[in-house]
Amino acid sequence: MAALSAHGEIPSDPTQVHPLPVGARAPMFEAVTADGKVRSFTPGGSLQPTIAIFYRGGWCPYCNMQLSDLRLMEPKLREQCFEIVFLSTDRSARGTAAK
């Protein structure tokens, strides 16, 4: 999924970017799924706890290591009813946002 800004454009100045602390609720945003559909995310809108994984792209060795390790944990997290959402600005081979 590639994130779309819910409140305007992405800041061009990195000092204007303020990451959320661990455990904070994400603001409302929309993302385009790998199959081209728009999905809205709203605070408290999910019926289950959600883990958002930000993936910079296939070119990032750190991201690839994290995904490799997550592959081992994903079944256990899903068994505990977590939804896992992957967000990326990378593009799939079809030209849509990667999930």
C-alpha atoms as a PDB file:
ATOM      1  CA  MET A   1       0.000   0.000   0.000  1.00  0.00           C
ATOM      2  CA  ALA A   2       1.176   3.501  -0.668  1.00  0.00           C
ATOM      3  CA  ALA A   3       0.018   6.142   1.764  1.00  0.00           C
ATOM      4  CA  LEU A   4      -1.915   9.147   0.537  1.00  0.00           C
ATOM      5  CA  SER A   5      -1.900  12.298   2.617  1.00  0.00           C
ATOM      6  CA  ALA A   6      -5.181  12.929   4.454  1.00  0.00           C
ATOM      7  CA  HIS A   7      -4.243  16.459   5.462  1.00  0.00           C
ATOM      8  CA  GLY A   8      -2.397  17.852   2.444  1.00  0.00           C
ATOM      9  CA  GLU A   9       0.955  17.210   0.873  1.00  0.00           C
ATOM     10  CA  ILE A  10       3.890  15.439   2.498  1.00  0.00           C
ATOM     11  CA  PRO A  11       6.179  18.099   4.020  1.00  0.00           C
ATOM     12  CA  SER A  12       9.186  18.962   1.862  1.00  0.00           C
ATOM     13  CA  ASP A  13      11.149  20.000   4.967  1.00  0.00           C
ATOM     14  CA  PRO A  14      12.215  17.003   7.087  1.00  0.00           C
ATOM     15  CA  THR A  15      12.032  19.123  10.256  1.00  0.00           C
ATOM     16  CA  GLN A  16       8.250  19.284   9.729  1.00  0.00           C
ATOM     17  CA  VAL A  17       7.900  15.489   9.926  1.00  0.00           C
ATOM     18  CA  HIS A  18       6.880  14.269  13.383  1.00  0.00           C
ATOM     19  CA  PRO A  19       6.770  10.460  13.786  1.00  0.00           C
ATOM     20  CA  LEU A  20       4.176   8.954  16.082  1.00  0.00           C
ATOM     21  CA  PRO A  21       5.453   7.426  19.320  1.00  0.00           C
ATOM     22  CA  VAL A  22       5.064   3.676  19.820  1.00  0.00           C
ATOM     23  CA  GLY A  23       1.520   2.841  20.860  1.00  0.00           C
ATOM     24  CA  ALA A  24       0.006   6.105  19.574  1.00  0.00           C
ATOM     25  CA  ARG A  25      -3.092   6.031  17.402  1.00  0.00           C
ATOM     26  CA  ALA A  26      -2.425   6.858  13.761  1.00  0.00           C
ATOM     27  CA  PRO A  27      -4.362   9.754  12.232  1.00  0.00           C
ATOM     28  CA  MET A  28      -6.925   9.099   9.510  1.00  0.00           C
ATOM     29  CA  PHE A  29      -5.305   8.324   6.155  1.00  0.00           C
ATOM     30  CA  GLU A  30      -6.009   6.497   2.928  1.00  0.00           C
ATOM     31  CA  ALA A  31      -3.798   4.110   0.990  1.00  0.00           C
ATOM     32  CA  VAL A  32      -4.009   2.408  -2.385  1.00  0.00           C
ATOM     33  CA  THR A  33      -3.832  -1.378  -2.195  1.00  0.00           C
ATOM     34  CA  ALA A  34      -1.761  -3.548  -4.533  1.00  0.00           C
ATOM     35  CA  ASP A  35      -4.907  -4.223  -6.571  1.00  0.00           C
ATOM     36  CA  GLY A  36      -5.618  -0.487  -6.977  1.00  0.00           C
ATOM     37  CA  LYS A  37      -8.420  -0.091  -4.424  1.00  0.00           C
ATOM     38  CA  VAL A  38      -8.441   2.794  -1.938  1.00  0.00           C
ATOM     39  CA  ARG A  39      -8.568   1.740   1.701  1.00  0.00           C
ATOM     40  CA  SER A  40      -9.344   4.214   4.483  1.00  0.00           C
ATOM     41  CA  PHE A  41      -7.756   3.927   7.911  1.00  0.00           C
ATOM     42  CA  THR A  42      -9.425   5.747  10.792  1.00  0.00           C
ATOM     43  CA  PRO A  43      -8.385   5.943  14.459  1.00  0.00           C
ATOM     44  CA  GLY A  44     -10.205   3.166  16.279  1.00  0.00           C
ATOM     45  CA  GLY A  45     -11.823   2.064  12.998  1.00  0.00           C
ATOM     46  CA  SER A  46     -10.388  -1.446  13.011  1.00  0.00           C
ATOM     47  CA  LEU A  47     -12.111  -4.284  14.825  1.00  0.00           C
ATOM     48  CA  GLN A  48      -8.742  -5.760  15.743  1.00  0.00           C
ATOM     49  CA  PRO A  49      -5.355  -4.378  16.770  1.00  0.00           C
ATOM     50  CA  THR A  50      -3.333  -3.412  13.713  1.00  0.00           C
ATOM     51  CA  ILE A  51       0.422  -3.465  13.171  1.00  0.00           C
ATOM     52  CA  ALA A  52       1.608  -1.093  10.446  1.00  0.00           C
ATOM     53  CA  ILE A  53       4.928  -2.006   8.834  1.00  0.00           C
ATOM     54  CA  PHE A  54       6.569   0.701   6.715  1.00  0.00           C
ATOM     55  CA  TYR A  55       8.647  -0.775   3.902  1.00  0.00           C
ATOM     56  CA  ARG A  56      10.914   1.665   2.090  1.00  0.00           C
ATOM     57  CA  GLY A  57      11.462  -0.636  -0.870  1.00  0.00           C
ATOM     58  CA  GLY A  58      13.240  -3.649  -2.297  1.00  0.00           C
ATOM     59  CA  TRP A  59      16.434  -1.610  -2.489  1.00  0.00           C
ATOM     60  CA  CYS A  60      16.582  -1.261   1.357  1.00  0.00           C
ATOM     61  CA  PRO A  61      18.635  -4.060   2.989  1.00  0.00           C
ATOM     62  CA  TYR A  62      17.359  -3.153   6.477  1.00  0.00           C
ATOM     63  CA  CYS A  63      13.726  -3.376   5.362  1.00  0.00           C
ATOM     64  CA  ASN A  64      14.380  -6.729   3.709  1.00  0.00           C
ATOM     65  CA  MET A  65      15.993  -8.092   6.882  1.00  0.00           C
ATOM     66  CA  GLN A  66      13.020  -6.885   8.942  1.00  0.00           C
ATOM     67  CA  LEU A  67      10.547  -8.541   6.564  1.00  0.00           C
ATOM     68  CA  SER A  68      12.563 -11.753   6.633  1.00  0.00           C
ATOM     69  CA  ASP A  69      12.394 -11.802  10.428  1.00  0.00           C
ATOM     70  CA  LEU A  70       8.724 -10.823  10.430  1.00  0.00           C
ATOM     71  CA  ARG A  71       7.957 -13.836   8.227  1.00  0.00           C
ATOM     72  CA  LEU A  72       8.723 -15.988  11.280  1.00  0.00           C
ATOM     73  CA  MET A  73       6.455 -13.961  13.594  1.00  0.00           C
ATOM     74  CA  GLU A  74       3.559 -13.211  11.254  1.00  0.00           C
ATOM     75  CA  PRO A  75       1.644 -16.493  11.812  1.00  0.00           C
ATOM     76  CA  LYS A  76       1.865 -16.062  15.587  1.00  0.00           C
ATOM     77  CA  LEU A  77       0.653 -12.456  15.391  1.00  0.00           C
ATOM     78  CA  ARG A  78      -2.260 -13.402  13.134  1.00  0.00           C
ATOM     79  CA  GLU A  79      -3.193 -16.246  15.521  1.00  0.00           C
ATOM     80  CA  GLN A  80      -3.470 -13.555  18.223  1.00  0.00           C
ATOM     81  CA  CYS A  81      -5.901 -11.640  15.942  1.00  0.00           C
ATOM     82  CA  PHE A  82      -3.534  -8.866  14.848  1.00  0.00           C
ATOM     83  CA  GLU A  83      -4.036  -7.386  11.405  1.00  0.00           C
ATOM     84  CA  ILE A  84      -0.705  -6.680   9.699  1.00  0.00           C
ATOM     85  CA  VAL A  85      -0.624  -3.885   7.126  1.00  0.00           C
ATOM     86  CA  PHE A  86       2.417  -3.210   4.956  1.00  0.00           C
ATOM     87  CA  LEU A  87       2.804   0.372   3.699  1.00  0.00           C
ATOM     88  CA  SER A  88       5.273   1.248   0.975  1.00  0.00           C
ATOM     89  CA  THR A  89       5.928   3.806  -1.716  1.00  0.00           C
ATOM     90  CA  ASP A  90       7.568   1.062  -3.820  1.00  0.00           C
ATOM     91  CA  ARG A  91       5.692   0.092  -6.967  1.00  0.00           C
ATOM     92  CA  SER A  92       4.752  -3.414  -7.986  1.00  0.00           C
ATOM     93  CA  ALA A  93       5.500  -4.768 -11.451  1.00  0.00           C
ATOM     94  CA  ARG A  94       1.902  -3.918 -12.469  1.00  0.00           C
ATOM     95  CA  GLY A  95       2.560  -0.229 -11.704  1.00  0.00           C
ATOM     96  CA  THR A  96       0.281  -0.077  -8.664  1.00  0.00           C
ATOM     97  CA  ALA A  97       1.348   0.492  -5.103  1.00  0.00           C
ATOM     98  CA  ALA A  98       3.060  -2.457  -3.454  1.00  0.00           C
ATOM     99  CA  LYS A  99       1.489  -4.065  -0.415  1.00  0.00           C
END
